[in-house]
Amino acid sequence: MKKQLQGIALILISILLMLGYGNAPFFDLSFRWSLIFSIIGIVGVVMTFLPDKKG
């Protein structure tokens, strides 16, 4: 199940990045909503790939 979740997370973040930066340069430093959503999405993908805590 963890591998499926990781695959879905990668697909969703790639769609988010395509929608957010479709007509803008990738390293555009203007502060728009697409930047905020992209940061939140990248943090979510990183949290998906972190190992589980077993305690």
Protein backbone atom coordinates (compact mmCIF):
# COMPACT_ATOMS: atom_id res chain seq x y z
CA MET A 1 0.00 0.00 0.00
CA LYS A 2 2.91 2.35 0.74
CA LYS A 3 4.28 1.97 -2.81
CA GLN A 4 0.87 2.78 -4.29
CA LEU A 5 0.62 5.90 -2.13
CA GLN A 6 4.08 7.01 -3.26
CA GLY A 7 3.18 6.54 -6.92
CA ILE A 8 -0.07 8.46 -6.56
CA ALA A 9 1.78 11.26 -4.74
CA LEU A 10 4.33 11.55 -7.57
CA ILE A 11 1.58 11.69 -10.20
CA LEU A 12 -0.35 14.35 -8.30
CA ILE A 13 2.70 16.57 -7.67
CA SER A 14 3.68 16.35 -11.35
CA ILE A 15 0.16 17.44 -12.37
CA LEU A 16 0.29 20.26 -9.81
CA LEU A 17 3.63 21.49 -11.13
CA MET A 18 2.46 21.31 -14.75
CA LEU A 19 -0.66 23.35 -13.95
CA GLY A 20 1.18 25.86 -11.80
CA TYR A 21 4.11 26.48 -14.11
CA GLY A 22 2.63 25.77 -17.51
CA ASN A 23 3.35 29.16 -19.05
CA ALA A 24 5.99 30.55 -16.65
CA PRO A 25 9.70 29.85 -16.31
CA PHE A 26 10.48 27.21 -13.71
CA PHE A 27 12.61 29.46 -11.50
CA ASP A 28 10.20 32.38 -11.50
CA LEU A 29 10.56 34.19 -8.16
CA SER A 30 7.26 36.02 -8.27
CA PHE A 31 5.07 35.21 -5.27
CA ARG A 32 1.84 33.70 -6.61
CA TRP A 33 -0.61 31.11 -5.38
CA SER A 34 0.96 28.50 -7.64
CA LEU A 35 4.19 28.85 -5.68
CA ILE A 36 2.42 28.29 -2.36
CA PHE A 37 0.57 25.21 -3.64
CA SER A 38 3.77 23.83 -5.17
CA ILE A 39 5.65 24.16 -1.88
CA ILE A 40 2.82 22.44 -0.01
CA GLY A 41 2.76 19.66 -2.63
CA ILE A 42 6.52 19.11 -2.46
CA VAL A 43 6.37 18.93 1.34
CA GLY A 44 3.59 16.35 1.04
CA VAL A 45 5.63 14.20 -1.34
CA VAL A 46 8.64 14.39 0.97
CA MET A 47 6.46 13.32 3.89
CA THR A 48 5.18 10.41 1.80
CA PHE A 49 8.69 9.11 1.18
CA LEU A 50 9.89 9.43 4.80
CA PRO A 51 10.24 6.10 6.59
CA ASP A 52 7.57 5.09 9.08
CA LYS A 53 8.27 5.50 12.79
CA LYS A 54 8.01 2.19 14.59
CA GLY A 55 7.91 2.57 18.30
